[in-house]
Each structure stands twice: as structure tokens, then as C-alpha cells.
Amino acid sequence: MSLKRLFTEHPDSVGESYFEHMGVALSFAGPLIAAGFAALVHAFLPFLCVTTASATVKRLYARMTNRAPRAVPQAKTDGMMAWDPVI
């Protein structure tokens, strides 16, 4: 497998460019890092951040599973649908 393919195969499969996919992934990474920090705080101080991590995970799960499909050019996926990074 070529080096370029390693970086583009998955983004292509969801109808995104490398940089579009990077943006979507980073838009999930920030809230996940914050949720992890909230869970860490909650582990030591259970009266703080009681629902922060779980609410963040639920919100991101809903966002990921409700993404609108977007058509991918015929040559790339044989007419299959992909996911639109815009929610």
C-alpha cells in the first residue's frame, strides 16, 4: 500500500478529503479530551463533574450517528453514500 493511500483511504471512504476528515476528527478530539479531564477530576472529587463526561460522550455519539449522508463521486465508491462532516 502506498504512503498516500494510508492517509487517504479512510477519508475517501466517508466522502471527505484528508483535511476535511482531520477537521471532523479534531472537532471530536477536543470535547473528548475535556471529558477525560472531567472524569479524572470526578475520580478524585466525586461531587464535581458528576455528569460532564457521560453527557459529552452521549452528545458526541448522537452527533456521530446522525451525520447526513453525502454522495461520493462515482469513481471513488461505485455510487455508495458517505457521511457529511457538517451536522
PDB file of N, CA and C in Angstrom:
ATOM      1  N   MET A   1       0.846  -1.179   0.000  1.00  0.00           N
ATOM      2  CA  MET A   1       0.000   0.000   0.000  1.00  0.00           C
ATOM      3  C   MET A   1       0.889   1.239   0.000  1.00  0.00           C
ATOM      4  N   SER A   2       0.529   2.205  -0.821  1.00  0.00           N
ATOM      5  CA  SER A   2       1.334   3.424  -0.915  1.00  0.00           C
ATOM      6  C   SER A   2       1.141   4.290   0.329  1.00  0.00           C
ATOM      7  N   LEU A   3       2.112   5.127   0.572  1.00  0.00           N
ATOM      8  CA  LEU A   3       2.050   6.037   1.712  1.00  0.00           C
ATOM      9  C   LEU A   3       0.854   6.981   1.590  1.00  0.00           C
ATOM     10  N   LYS A   4       0.614   7.493   0.378  1.00  0.00           N
ATOM     11  CA  LYS A   4      -0.532   8.395   0.173  1.00  0.00           C
ATOM     12  C   LYS A   4      -1.835   7.683   0.508  1.00  0.00           C
ATOM     13  N   ARG A   5      -1.949   6.444   0.095  1.00  0.00           N
ATOM     14  CA  ARG A   5      -3.185   5.672   0.329  1.00  0.00           C
ATOM     15  C   ARG A   5      -3.443   5.489   1.825  1.00  0.00           C
ATOM     16  N   LEU A   6      -2.390   5.329   2.603  1.00  0.00           N
ATOM     17  CA  LEU A   6      -2.544   5.188   4.053  1.00  0.00           C
ATOM     18  C   LEU A   6      -3.253   6.400   4.656  1.00  0.00           C
ATOM     19  N   PHE A   7      -3.009   7.566   4.091  1.00  0.00           N
ATOM     20  CA  PHE A   7      -3.583   8.802   4.613  1.00  0.00           C
ATOM     21  C   PHE A   7      -4.927   9.171   3.980  1.00  0.00           C
ATOM     22  N   THR A   8      -5.280   8.557   2.854  1.00  0.00           N
ATOM     23  CA  THR A   8      -6.495   8.975   2.144  1.00  0.00           C
ATOM     24  C   THR A   8      -7.575   7.904   2.039  1.00  0.00           C
ATOM     25  N   GLU A   9      -7.256   6.663   2.282  1.00  0.00           N
ATOM     26  CA  GLU A   9      -8.238   5.592   2.093  1.00  0.00           C
ATOM     27  C   GLU A   9      -9.472   5.781   2.987  1.00  0.00           C
ATOM     28  N   HIS A  10      -9.268   5.976   4.273  1.00  0.00           N
ATOM     29  CA  HIS A  10     -10.418   6.140   5.168  1.00  0.00           C
ATOM     30  C   HIS A  10     -11.173   7.452   4.906  1.00  0.00           C
ATOM     31  N   PRO A  11     -10.496   8.605   4.815  1.00  0.00           N
ATOM     32  CA  PRO A  11     -11.248   9.823   4.492  1.00  0.00           C
ATOM     33  C   PRO A  11     -12.051   9.693   3.190  1.00  0.00           C
ATOM     34  N   ASP A  12     -11.452   9.078   2.172  1.00  0.00           N
ATOM     35  CA  ASP A  12     -12.178   8.860   0.916  1.00  0.00           C
ATOM     36  C   ASP A  12     -13.419   8.004   1.141  1.00  0.00           C
ATOM     37  N   SER A  13     -13.323   7.001   2.023  1.00  0.00           N
ATOM     38  CA  SER A  13     -14.441   6.089   2.248  1.00  0.00           C
ATOM     39  C   SER A  13     -15.637   6.771   2.892  1.00  0.00           C
ATOM     40  N   VAL A  14     -15.423   7.912   3.533  1.00  0.00           N
ATOM     41  CA  VAL A  14     -16.528   8.651   4.141  1.00  0.00           C
ATOM     42  C   VAL A  14     -16.814   9.958   3.399  1.00  0.00           C
ATOM     43  N   GLY A  15     -16.255  10.090   2.193  1.00  0.00           N
ATOM     44  CA  GLY A  15     -16.556  11.232   1.341  1.00  0.00           C
ATOM     45  C   GLY A  15     -15.906  12.528   1.763  1.00  0.00           C
ATOM     46  N   GLU A  16     -14.747  12.438   2.407  1.00  0.00           N
ATOM     47  CA  GLU A  16     -14.048  13.627   2.875  1.00  0.00           C
ATOM     48  C   GLU A  16     -12.631  13.654   2.327  1.00  0.00           C
ATOM     49  N   SER A  17     -12.088  14.857   2.210  1.00  0.00           N
ATOM     50  CA  SER A  17     -10.675  14.981   1.890  1.00  0.00           C
ATOM     51  C   SER A  17      -9.889  14.718   3.175  1.00  0.00           C
ATOM     52  N   TYR A  18      -8.601  14.616   3.052  1.00  0.00           N
ATOM     53  CA  TYR A  18      -7.747  14.418   4.232  1.00  0.00           C
ATOM     54  C   TYR A  18      -7.963  15.539   5.246  1.00  0.00           C
ATOM     55  N   PHE A  19      -7.973  16.789   4.779  1.00  0.00           N
ATOM     56  CA  PHE A  19      -8.101  17.920   5.689  1.00  0.00           C
ATOM     57  C   PHE A  19      -9.520  18.066   6.245  1.00  0.00           C
ATOM     58  N   GLU A  20     -10.539  17.737   5.449  1.00  0.00           N
ATOM     59  CA  GLU A  20     -11.907  17.733   5.974  1.00  0.00           C
ATOM     60  C   GLU A  20     -12.025  16.715   7.104  1.00  0.00           C
ATOM     61  N   HIS A  21     -11.473  15.527   6.870  1.00  0.00           N
ATOM     62  CA  HIS A  21     -11.535  14.467   7.873  1.00  0.00           C
ATOM     63  C   HIS A  21     -10.750  14.861   9.125  1.00  0.00           C
ATOM     64  N   MET A  22      -9.630  15.521   8.927  1.00  0.00           N
ATOM     65  CA  MET A  22      -8.846  15.997  10.070  1.00  0.00           C
ATOM     66  C   MET A  22      -9.681  16.959  10.913  1.00  0.00           C
ATOM     67  N   GLY A  23     -10.388  17.865  10.259  1.00  0.00           N
ATOM     68  CA  GLY A  23     -11.218  18.824  10.980  1.00  0.00           C
ATOM     69  C   GLY A  23     -12.322  18.148  11.780  1.00  0.00           C
ATOM     70  N   VAL A  24     -12.971  17.174  11.172  1.00  0.00           N
ATOM     71  CA  VAL A  24     -14.035  16.450  11.878  1.00  0.00           C
ATOM     72  C   VAL A  24     -13.442  15.694  13.067  1.00  0.00           C
ATOM     73  N   ALA A  25     -12.341  15.000  12.851  1.00  0.00           N
ATOM     74  CA  ALA A  25     -11.711  14.240  13.936  1.00  0.00           C
ATOM     75  C   ALA A  25     -11.282  15.166  15.071  1.00  0.00           C
ATOM     76  N   LEU A  26     -10.721  16.310  14.731  1.00  0.00           N
ATOM     77  CA  LEU A  26     -10.304  17.258  15.768  1.00  0.00           C
ATOM     78  C   LEU A  26     -11.508  17.848  16.502  1.00  0.00           C
ATOM     79  N   SER A  27     -12.639  17.986  15.809  1.00  0.00           N
ATOM     80  CA  SER A  27     -13.833  18.515  16.472  1.00  0.00           C
ATOM     81  C   SER A  27     -14.384  17.527  17.493  1.00  0.00           C
ATOM     82  N   PHE A  28     -14.015  16.259  17.371  1.00  0.00           N
ATOM     83  CA  PHE A  28     -14.363  15.254  18.375  1.00  0.00           C
ATOM     84  C   PHE A  28     -13.274  15.168  19.444  1.00  0.00           C
ATOM     85  N   ALA A  29     -12.035  15.375  19.065  1.00  0.00           N
ATOM     86  CA  ALA A  29     -10.911  15.216  19.999  1.00  0.00           C
ATOM     87  C   ALA A  29     -10.968  16.204  21.151  1.00  0.00           C
ATOM     88  N   GLY A  30     -11.262  17.468  20.870  1.00  0.00           N
ATOM     89  CA  GLY A  30     -11.303  18.477  21.928  1.00  0.00           C
ATOM     90  C   GLY A  30     -12.299  18.137  23.032  1.00  0.00           C
ATOM     91  N   PRO A  31     -13.571  17.892  22.671  1.00  0.00           N
ATOM     92  CA  PRO A  31     -14.537  17.528  23.706  1.00  0.00           C
ATOM     93  C   PRO A  31     -14.181  16.224  24.429  1.00  0.00           C
ATOM     94  N   LEU A  32     -13.586  15.266  23.714  1.00  0.00           N
ATOM     95  CA  LEU A  32     -13.200  14.013  24.371  1.00  0.00           C
ATOM     96  C   LEU A  32     -12.077  14.230  25.379  1.00  0.00           C
ATOM     97  N   ILE A  33     -11.133  15.096  25.045  1.00  0.00           N
ATOM     98  CA  ILE A  33     -10.053  15.415  25.991  1.00  0.00           C
ATOM     99  C   ILE A  33     -10.642  16.106  27.223  1.00  0.00           C
ATOM    100  N   ALA A  34     -11.552  17.045  26.999  1.00  0.00           N
ATOM    101  CA  ALA A  34     -12.199  17.739  28.121  1.00  0.00           C
ATOM    102  C   ALA A  34     -12.999  16.756  28.977  1.00  0.00           C
ATOM    103  N   ALA A  35     -13.704  15.830  28.337  1.00  0.00           N
ATOM    104  CA  ALA A  35     -14.472  14.829  29.081  1.00  0.00           C
ATOM    105  C   ALA A  35     -13.545  13.929  29.885  1.00  0.00           C
ATOM    106  N   GLY A  36     -12.401  13.586  29.323  1.00  0.00           N
ATOM    107  CA  GLY A  36     -11.423  12.779  30.052  1.00  0.00           C
ATOM    108  C   GLY A  36     -10.899  13.505  31.274  1.00  0.00           C
ATOM    109  N   PHE A  37     -10.643  14.775  31.123  1.00  0.00           N
ATOM    110  CA  PHE A  37     -10.187  15.581  32.263  1.00  0.00           C
ATOM    111  C   PHE A  37     -11.283  15.656  33.328  1.00  0.00           C
ATOM    112  N   ALA A  38     -12.533  15.845  32.896  1.00  0.00           N
ATOM    113  CA  ALA A  38     -13.656  15.887  33.844  1.00  0.00           C
ATOM    114  C   ALA A  38     -13.787  14.559  34.584  1.00  0.00           C
ATOM    115  N   ALA A  39     -13.601  13.451  33.879  1.00  0.00           N
ATOM    116  CA  ALA A  39     -13.668  12.134  34.519  1.00  0.00           C
ATOM    117  C   ALA A  39     -12.531  11.964  35.529  1.00  0.00           C
ATOM    118  N   LEU A  40     -11.362  12.487  35.203  1.00  0.00           N
ATOM    119  CA  LEU A  40     -10.226  12.424  36.119  1.00  0.00           C
ATOM    120  C   LEU A  40     -10.510  13.239  37.386  1.00  0.00           C
ATOM    121  N   VAL A  41     -11.041  14.427  37.208  1.00  0.00           N
ATOM    122  CA  VAL A  41     -11.425  15.251  38.366  1.00  0.00           C
ATOM    123  C   VAL A  41     -12.481  14.515  39.190  1.00  0.00           C
ATOM    124  N   HIS A  42     -13.475  13.949  38.525  1.00  0.00           N
ATOM    125  CA  HIS A  42     -14.560  13.235  39.201  1.00  0.00           C
ATOM    126  C   HIS A  42     -14.036  12.021  39.983  1.00  0.00           C
ATOM    127  N   ALA A  43     -13.001  11.378  39.461  1.00  0.00           N
ATOM    128  CA  ALA A  43     -12.443  10.210  40.155  1.00  0.00           C
ATOM    129  C   ALA A  43     -11.942  10.574  41.544  1.00  0.00           C
ATOM    130  N   PHE A  44     -11.348  11.742  41.691  1.00  0.00           N
ATOM    131  CA  PHE A  44     -10.786  12.165  42.979  1.00  0.00           C
ATOM    132  C   PHE A  44     -11.759  13.002  43.805  1.00  0.00           C
ATOM    133  N   LEU A  45     -12.629  13.725  43.116  1.00  0.00           N
ATOM    134  CA  LEU A  45     -13.596  14.599  43.789  1.00  0.00           C
ATOM    135  C   LEU A  45     -14.985  14.254  43.236  1.00  0.00           C
ATOM    136  N   PRO A  46     -15.592  13.170  43.702  1.00  0.00           N
ATOM    137  CA  PRO A  46     -16.819  12.658  43.088  1.00  0.00           C
ATOM    138  C   PRO A  46     -18.015  13.603  43.123  1.00  0.00           C
ATOM    139  N   PHE A  47     -17.932  14.659  43.878  1.00  0.00           N
ATOM    140  CA  PHE A  47     -19.017  15.640  43.923  1.00  0.00           C
ATOM    141  C   PHE A  47     -18.894  16.674  42.808  1.00  0.00           C
ATOM    142  N   LEU A  48     -17.790  16.648  42.061  1.00  0.00           N
ATOM    143  CA  LEU A  48     -17.587  17.552  40.919  1.00  0.00           C
ATOM    144  C   LEU A  48     -17.737  16.786  39.608  1.00  0.00           C
ATOM    145  N   CYS A  49     -18.135  17.479  38.587  1.00  0.00           N
ATOM    146  CA  CYS A  49     -18.225  16.918  37.217  1.00  0.00           C
ATOM    147  C   CYS A  49     -19.021  15.610  37.204  1.00  0.00           C
ATOM    148  N   VAL A  50     -20.137  15.596  37.903  1.00  0.00           N
ATOM    149  CA  VAL A  50     -20.920  14.371  38.085  1.00  0.00           C
ATOM    150  C   VAL A  50     -21.416  13.792  36.758  1.00  0.00           C
ATOM    151  N   THR A  51     -21.862  14.633  35.847  1.00  0.00           N
ATOM    152  CA  THR A  51     -22.390  14.118  34.568  1.00  0.00           C
ATOM    153  C   THR A  51     -21.633  14.647  33.350  1.00  0.00           C
ATOM    154  N   THR A  52     -20.567  15.383  33.559  1.00  0.00           N
ATOM    155  CA  THR A  52     -19.872  16.045  32.446  1.00  0.00           C
ATOM    156  C   THR A  52     -19.364  15.061  31.403  1.00  0.00           C
ATOM    157  N   ALA A  53     -18.635  14.042  31.825  1.00  0.00           N
ATOM    158  CA  ALA A  53     -18.052  13.090  30.875  1.00  0.00           C
ATOM    159  C   ALA A  53     -19.138  12.302  30.150  1.00  0.00           C
ATOM    160  N   SER A  54     -20.105  11.776  30.893  1.00  0.00           N
ATOM    161  CA  SER A  54     -21.146  10.967  30.256  1.00  0.00           C
ATOM    162  C   SER A  54     -22.001  11.810  29.311  1.00  0.00           C
ATOM    163  N   ALA A  55     -22.316  13.035  29.684  1.00  0.00           N
ATOM    164  CA  ALA A  55     -23.103  13.906  28.801  1.00  0.00           C
ATOM    165  C   ALA A  55     -22.335  14.223  27.524  1.00  0.00           C
ATOM    166  N   THR A  56     -21.030  14.440  27.643  1.00  0.00           N
ATOM    167  CA  THR A  56     -20.205  14.722  26.465  1.00  0.00           C
ATOM    168  C   THR A  56     -20.175  13.527  25.532  1.00  0.00           C
ATOM    169  N   VAL A  57     -19.982  12.334  26.080  1.00  0.00           N
ATOM    170  CA  VAL A  57     -19.943  11.116  25.263  1.00  0.00           C
ATOM    171  C   VAL A  57     -21.288  10.905  24.579  1.00  0.00           C
ATOM    172  N   LYS A  58     -22.385  11.092  25.293  1.00  0.00           N
ATOM    173  CA  LYS A  58     -23.720  10.943  24.688  1.00  0.00           C
ATOM    174  C   LYS A  58     -23.932  11.945  23.555  1.00  0.00           C
ATOM    175  N   ARG A  59     -23.525  13.198  23.772  1.00  0.00           N
ATOM    176  CA  ARG A  59     -23.684  14.232  22.747  1.00  0.00           C
ATOM    177  C   ARG A  59     -22.855  13.904  21.498  1.00  0.00           C
ATOM    178  N   LEU A  60     -21.611  13.463  21.705  1.00  0.00           N
ATOM    179  CA  LEU A  60     -20.758  13.127  20.561  1.00  0.00           C
ATOM    180  C   LEU A  60     -21.259  11.881  19.837  1.00  0.00           C
ATOM    181  N   TYR A  61     -21.766  10.914  20.583  1.00  0.00           N
ATOM    182  CA  TYR A  61     -22.327   9.710  19.960  1.00  0.00           C
ATOM    183  C   TYR A  61     -23.518  10.086  19.070  1.00  0.00           C
ATOM    184  N   ALA A  62     -24.401  10.932  19.594  1.00  0.00           N
ATOM    185  CA  ALA A  62     -25.561  11.374  18.802  1.00  0.00           C
ATOM    186  C   ALA A  62     -25.102  12.127  17.561  1.00  0.00           C
ATOM    187  N   ARG A  63     -24.111  12.964  17.716  1.00  0.00           N
ATOM    188  CA  ARG A  63     -23.580  13.724  16.582  1.00  0.00           C
ATOM    189  C   ARG A  63     -22.997  12.792  15.520  1.00  0.00           C
ATOM    190  N   MET A  64     -22.259  11.789  15.955  1.00  0.00           N
ATOM    191  CA  MET A  64     -21.626  10.875  15.008  1.00  0.00           C
ATOM    192  C   MET A  64     -22.652   9.999  14.289  1.00  0.00           C
ATOM    193  N   THR A  65     -23.646   9.519  15.005  1.00  0.00           N
ATOM    194  CA  THR A  65     -24.606   8.604  14.392  1.00  0.00           C
ATOM    195  C   THR A  65     -25.689   9.306  13.584  1.00  0.00           C
ATOM    196  N   ASN A  66     -25.819  10.619  13.727  1.00  0.00           N
ATOM    197  CA  ASN A  66     -26.843  11.367  12.986  1.00  0.00           C
ATOM    198  C   ASN A  66     -26.277  12.193  11.849  1.00  0.00           C
ATOM    199  N   ARG A  67     -25.068  11.891  11.429  1.00  0.00           N
ATOM    200  CA  ARG A  67     -24.472  12.640  10.331  1.00  0.00           C
ATOM    201  C   ARG A  67     -25.221  12.344   9.043  1.00  0.00           C
ATOM    202  N   ALA A  68     -25.472  13.371   8.237  1.00  0.00           N
ATOM    203  CA  ALA A  68     -26.219  13.217   6.991  1.00  0.00           C
ATOM    204  C   ALA A  68     -25.344  12.612   5.906  1.00  0.00           C
ATOM    205  N   PRO A  69     -25.855  11.605   5.190  1.00  0.00           N
ATOM    206  CA  PRO A  69     -25.062  11.011   4.110  1.00  0.00           C
ATOM    207  C   PRO A  69     -24.853  11.992   2.963  1.00  0.00           C
ATOM    208  N   ARG A  70     -23.714  11.884   2.336  1.00  0.00           N
ATOM    209  CA  ARG A  70     -23.372  12.737   1.201  1.00  0.00           C
ATOM    210  C   ARG A  70     -22.850  11.831   0.092  1.00  0.00           C
ATOM    211  N   ALA A  71     -23.254  12.106  -1.126  1.00  0.00           N
ATOM    212  CA  ALA A  71     -22.819  11.287  -2.253  1.00  0.00           C
ATOM    213  C   ALA A  71     -21.324  11.471  -2.483  1.00  0.00           C
ATOM    214  N   VAL A  72     -20.662  10.364  -2.748  1.00  0.00           N
ATOM    215  CA  VAL A  72     -19.245  10.365  -3.077  1.00  0.00           C
ATOM    216  C   VAL A  72     -19.144  10.202  -4.585  1.00  0.00           C
ATOM    217  N   PRO A  73     -18.202  10.869  -5.231  1.00  0.00           N
ATOM    218  CA  PRO A  73     -18.070  10.720  -6.686  1.00  0.00           C
ATOM    219  C   PRO A  73     -18.049   9.256  -7.112  1.00  0.00           C
ATOM    220  N   GLN A  74     -18.727   8.977  -8.197  1.00  0.00           N
ATOM    221  CA  GLN A  74     -18.900   7.612  -8.699  1.00  0.00           C
ATOM    222  C   GLN A  74     -17.592   6.831  -8.796  1.00  0.00           C
ATOM    223  N   ALA A  75     -16.534   7.456  -9.245  1.00  0.00           N
ATOM    224  CA  ALA A  75     -15.269   6.758  -9.451  1.00  0.00           C
ATOM    225  C   ALA A  75     -14.670   6.250  -8.146  1.00  0.00           C
ATOM    226  N   LYS A  76     -14.999   6.881  -7.017  1.00  0.00           N
ATOM    227  CA  LYS A  76     -14.377   6.503  -5.753  1.00  0.00           C
ATOM    228  C   LYS A  76     -15.075   5.344  -5.055  1.00  0.00           C
ATOM    229  N   THR A  77     -16.409   5.299  -5.089  1.00  0.00           N
ATOM    230  CA  THR A  77     -17.107   4.318  -4.268  1.00  0.00           C
ATOM    231  C   THR A  77     -18.184   3.542  -5.013  1.00  0.00           C
ATOM    232  N   ASP A  78     -18.243   3.614  -6.283  1.00  0.00           N
ATOM    233  CA  ASP A  78     -19.268   2.912  -7.051  1.00  0.00           C
ATOM    234  C   ASP A  78     -20.682   3.307  -6.645  1.00  0.00           C
ATOM    235  N   GLY A  79     -20.888   4.606  -6.343  1.00  0.00           N
ATOM    236  CA  GLY A  79     -22.213   5.108  -6.059  1.00  0.00           C
ATOM    237  C   GLY A  79     -22.672   4.990  -4.620  1.00  0.00           C
ATOM    238  N   MET A  80     -21.839   4.499  -3.731  1.00  0.00           N
ATOM    239  CA  MET A  80     -22.232   4.380  -2.326  1.00  0.00           C
ATOM    240  C   MET A  80     -22.292   5.761  -1.680  1.00  0.00           C
ATOM    241  N   MET A  81     -23.013   5.870  -0.591  1.00  0.00           N
ATOM    242  CA  MET A  81     -23.128   7.125   0.130  1.00  0.00           C
ATOM    243  C   MET A  81     -21.995   7.239   1.143  1.00  0.00           C
ATOM    244  N   ALA A  82     -21.660   8.453   1.494  1.00  0.00           N
ATOM    245  CA  ALA A  82     -20.650   8.712   2.524  1.00  0.00           C
ATOM    246  C   ALA A  82     -21.274   9.644   3.544  1.00  0.00           C
ATOM    247  N   TRP A  83     -20.534   9.985   4.558  1.00  0.00           N
ATOM    248  CA  TRP A  83     -21.058  10.825   5.619  1.00  0.00           C
ATOM    249  C   TRP A  83     -20.566  12.234   5.473  1.00  0.00           C
ATOM    250  N   ASP A  84     -21.487  13.172   5.651  1.00  0.00           N
ATOM    251  CA  ASP A  84     -21.186  14.600   5.545  1.00  0.00           C
ATOM    252  C   ASP A  84     -20.606  15.081   6.871  1.00  0.00           C
ATOM    253  N   PRO A  85     -19.477  15.790   6.858  1.00  0.00           N
ATOM    254  CA  PRO A  85     -18.896  16.243   8.114  1.00  0.00           C
ATOM    255  C   PRO A  85     -19.679  17.373   8.766  1.00  0.00           C
ATOM    256  N   VAL A  86     -20.625  17.960   8.059  1.00  0.00           N
ATOM    257  CA  VAL A  86     -21.418  19.053   8.610  1.00  0.00           C
ATOM    258  C   VAL A  86     -22.645  18.484   9.286  1.00  0.00           C
ATOM    259  N   ILE A  87     -22.891  18.928  10.495  1.00  0.00           N
ATOM    260  CA  ILE A  87     -24.018  18.367  11.247  1.00  0.00           C
ATOM    261  C   ILE A  87     -25.092  19.404  11.405  1.00  0.00           C
TER     262      ILE A  87
END
